């Protein structure tokens, strides 16, 4: 009986730390969860920069495709194709619009 009492007295400080640690973990868990949700909901500057770079590359690729089509239409126009002349003008205006369009987030 005496051994059990001594053993219990020796183990009390160890158990108190475990209980205190569990209580602290239980109290801080909602705060950590809210912080994680906020992190998932917001966009970091690095992510925003990558997204902007992706939009710039996509726009430049689209402009390149339109320019190649315009060059072909201009060659056809020089050969006397009136429809190609109209197409070249339309493509030129599309390119201008695309170049002047803002790169807003999607």
C-alpha atoms as a PDB file:
ATOM      1  CA  UNK A   1       0.000   0.000   0.000  1.00  0.00           C
ATOM      2  CA  UNK A   2       2.804   2.322   0.927  1.00  0.00           C
ATOM      3  CA  UNK A   3       4.619   1.559  -2.332  1.00  0.00           C
ATOM      4  CA  UNK A   4       1.522   2.380  -4.341  1.00  0.00           C
ATOM      5  CA  UNK A   5       1.164   5.737  -2.562  1.00  0.00           C
ATOM      6  CA  UNK A   6       4.821   6.600  -3.147  1.00  0.00           C
ATOM      7  CA  UNK A   7       4.594   5.528  -6.774  1.00  0.00           C
ATOM      8  CA  UNK A   8       1.445   7.611  -7.223  1.00  0.00           C
ATOM      9  CA  UNK A   9       3.172  10.647  -5.702  1.00  0.00           C
ATOM     10  CA  UNK A  10       6.115  10.219  -8.029  1.00  0.00           C
ATOM     11  CA  UNK A  11       3.869   9.892 -11.083  1.00  0.00           C
ATOM     12  CA  UNK A  12       1.668  12.932 -10.294  1.00  0.00           C
ATOM     13  CA  UNK A  13       4.002  15.531 -11.833  1.00  0.00           C
ATOM     14  CA  UNK A  14       4.297  13.420 -14.984  1.00  0.00           C
ATOM     15  CA  UNK A  15       0.540  12.990 -15.303  1.00  0.00           C
ATOM     16  CA  UNK A  16      -0.062  16.679 -14.659  1.00  0.00           C
ATOM     17  CA  UNK A  17       2.119  17.572 -17.611  1.00  0.00           C
ATOM     18  CA  UNK A  18       0.268  15.168 -19.867  1.00  0.00           C
ATOM     19  CA  UNK A  19      -3.095  16.514 -18.817  1.00  0.00           C
ATOM     20  CA  UNK A  20      -1.917  20.102 -19.182  1.00  0.00           C
ATOM     21  CA  UNK A  21      -0.475  19.390 -22.604  1.00  0.00           C
ATOM     22  CA  UNK A  22      -3.695  17.733 -23.737  1.00  0.00           C
ATOM     23  CA  UNK A  23      -5.686  20.713 -22.480  1.00  0.00           C
ATOM     24  CA  UNK A  24      -3.426  23.153 -24.336  1.00  0.00           C
ATOM     25  CA  UNK A  25      -3.715  21.095 -27.511  1.00  0.00           C
ATOM     26  CA  UNK A  26      -7.501  21.020 -27.172  1.00  0.00           C
ATOM     27  CA  UNK A  27      -7.676  24.786 -26.696  1.00  0.00           C
ATOM     28  CA  UNK A  28      -5.316  25.701 -29.550  1.00  0.00           C
ATOM     29  CA  UNK A  29      -6.713  23.212 -32.091  1.00  0.00           C
ATOM     30  CA  UNK A  30      -9.548  25.505 -33.294  1.00  0.00           C
ATOM     31  CA  UNK A  31      -7.105  28.402 -33.690  1.00  0.00           C
ATOM     32  CA  UNK A  32      -4.735  26.285 -35.758  1.00  0.00           C
ATOM     33  CA  UNK A  33      -7.646  24.985 -37.863  1.00  0.00           C
ATOM     34  CA  UNK A  34      -8.855  28.541 -38.520  1.00  0.00           C
ATOM     35  CA  UNK A  35      -5.337  29.548 -39.544  1.00  0.00           C
ATOM     36  CA  UNK A  36      -5.160  26.654 -41.989  1.00  0.00           C
ATOM     37  CA  UNK A  37      -8.513  27.573 -43.509  1.00  0.00           C
ATOM     38  CA  UNK A  38      -7.364  31.181 -43.896  1.00  0.00           C
ATOM     39  CA  UNK A  39      -4.190  29.952 -45.601  1.00  0.00           C
ATOM     40  CA  UNK A  40      -6.209  27.834 -48.024  1.00  0.00           C
ATOM     41  CA  UNK A  41      -8.612  30.705 -48.749  1.00  0.00           C
ATOM     42  CA  UNK A  42      -5.977  33.325 -49.552  1.00  0.00           C
ATOM     43  CA  UNK A  43      -3.520  33.532 -52.418  1.00  0.00           C
ATOM     44  CA  UNK A  44       0.131  34.117 -51.676  1.00  0.00           C
ATOM     45  CA  UNK A  45       2.134  36.613 -53.696  1.00  0.00           C
ATOM     46  CA  UNK A  46       4.110  33.767 -55.238  1.00  0.00           C
ATOM     47  CA  UNK A  47       0.919  32.060 -56.407  1.00  0.00           C
ATOM     48  CA  UNK A  48      -0.396  35.359 -57.796  1.00  0.00           C
ATOM     49  CA  UNK A  49       2.874  35.948 -59.668  1.00  0.00           C
ATOM     50  CA  UNK A  50       2.765  32.474 -61.192  1.00  0.00           C
ATOM     51  CA  UNK A  51      -0.857  32.965 -62.255  1.00  0.00           C
ATOM     52  CA  UNK A  52      -0.029  36.324 -63.852  1.00  0.00           C
ATOM     53  CA  UNK A  53       2.920  34.804 -65.697  1.00  0.00           C
ATOM     54  CA  UNK A  54       0.685  32.000 -66.966  1.00  0.00           C
ATOM     55  CA  UNK A  55      -1.899  34.520 -68.241  1.00  0.00           C
ATOM     56  CA  UNK A  56       0.843  36.554 -69.976  1.00  0.00           C
ATOM     57  CA  UNK A  57       2.226  33.444 -71.696  1.00  0.00           C
ATOM     58  CA  UNK A  58      -1.270  32.366 -72.792  1.00  0.00           C
ATOM     59  CA  UNK A  59      -1.996  35.842 -74.177  1.00  0.00           C
ATOM     60  CA  UNK A  60       1.349  35.957 -76.012  1.00  0.00           C
ATOM     61  CA  UNK A  61       0.676  32.528 -77.513  1.00  0.00           C
ATOM     62  CA  UNK A  62      -2.765  33.647 -78.707  1.00  0.00           C
ATOM     63  CA  UNK A  63      -1.267  36.800 -80.230  1.00  0.00           C
ATOM     64  CA  UNK A  64       1.355  34.689 -82.008  1.00  0.00           C
ATOM     65  CA  UNK A  65      -1.315  32.421 -83.487  1.00  0.00           C
ATOM     66  CA  UNK A  66      -3.303  35.423 -84.708  1.00  0.00           C
ATOM     67  CA  UNK A  67      -0.203  37.041 -86.204  1.00  0.00           C
ATOM     68  CA  UNK A  68       0.618  33.900 -88.170  1.00  0.00           C
ATOM     69  CA  UNK A  69      -2.953  33.769 -89.496  1.00  0.00           C
ATOM     70  CA  UNK A  70      -2.780  37.478 -90.375  1.00  0.00           C
ATOM     71  CA  UNK A  71       0.504  36.987 -92.260  1.00  0.00           C
ATOM     72  CA  UNK A  72      -1.048  34.174 -94.278  1.00  0.00           C
ATOM     73  CA  UNK A  73      -4.118  36.305 -94.986  1.00  0.00           C
ATOM     74  CA  UNK A  74      -1.878  39.222 -96.028  1.00  0.00           C
ATOM     75  CA  UNK A  75      -0.020  36.966 -98.492  1.00  0.00           C
ATOM     76  CA  UNK A  76      -3.343  35.759 -99.900  1.00  0.00           C
ATOM     77  CA  UNK A  77      -4.525  39.366-100.095  1.00  0.00           C
ATOM     78  CA  UNK A  78      -1.406  40.311-102.064  1.00  0.00           C
ATOM     79  CA  UNK A  79      -2.302  37.508-104.487  1.00  0.00           C
ATOM     80  CA  UNK A  80      -5.665  39.177-105.136  1.00  0.00           C
ATOM     81  CA  UNK A  81      -8.012  37.457-102.646  1.00  0.00           C
ATOM     82  CA  UNK A  82     -10.427  40.150-101.389  1.00  0.00           C
ATOM     83  CA  UNK A  83     -11.777  37.929 -98.604  1.00  0.00           C
ATOM     84  CA  UNK A  84      -8.239  37.473 -97.291  1.00  0.00           C
ATOM     85  CA  UNK A  85      -7.824  41.263 -97.150  1.00  0.00           C
ATOM     86  CA  UNK A  86     -10.921  41.546 -94.978  1.00  0.00           C
ATOM     87  CA  UNK A  87      -9.695  38.667 -92.802  1.00  0.00           C
ATOM     88  CA  UNK A  88      -6.283  40.304 -92.398  1.00  0.00           C
ATOM     89  CA  UNK A  89      -7.912  43.532 -91.216  1.00  0.00           C
ATOM     90  CA  UNK A  90     -10.125  41.648 -88.766  1.00  0.00           C
ATOM     91  CA  UNK A  91      -7.137  39.726 -87.420  1.00  0.00           C
ATOM     92  CA  UNK A  92      -5.191  42.970 -87.004  1.00  0.00           C
ATOM     93  CA  UNK A  93      -7.980  44.433 -84.892  1.00  0.00           C
ATOM     94  CA  UNK A  94      -8.191  41.216 -82.809  1.00  0.00           C
ATOM     95  CA  UNK A  95      -4.448  41.377 -82.159  1.00  0.00           C
ATOM     96  CA  UNK A  96      -4.694  45.031 -81.130  1.00  0.00           C
ATOM     97  CA  UNK A  97      -7.591  44.285 -78.765  1.00  0.00           C
ATOM     98  CA  UNK A  98      -5.731  41.386 -77.211  1.00  0.00           C
ATOM     99  CA  UNK A  99      -2.562  43.432 -76.755  1.00  0.00           C
ATOM    100  CA  UNK A 100      -4.487  46.263 -75.075  1.00  0.00           C
ATOM    101  CA  UNK A 101      -6.686  44.054 -72.895  1.00  0.00           C
ATOM    102  CA  UNK A 102      -5.852  44.070 -69.169  1.00  0.00           C
ATOM    103  CA  UNK A 103      -4.576  40.876 -67.577  1.00  0.00           C
ATOM    104  CA  UNK A 104      -7.287  40.614 -64.935  1.00  0.00           C
ATOM    105  CA  UNK A 105      -7.464  37.561 -62.714  1.00  0.00           C
ATOM    106  CA  UNK A 106      -9.928  35.001 -63.924  1.00  0.00           C
END
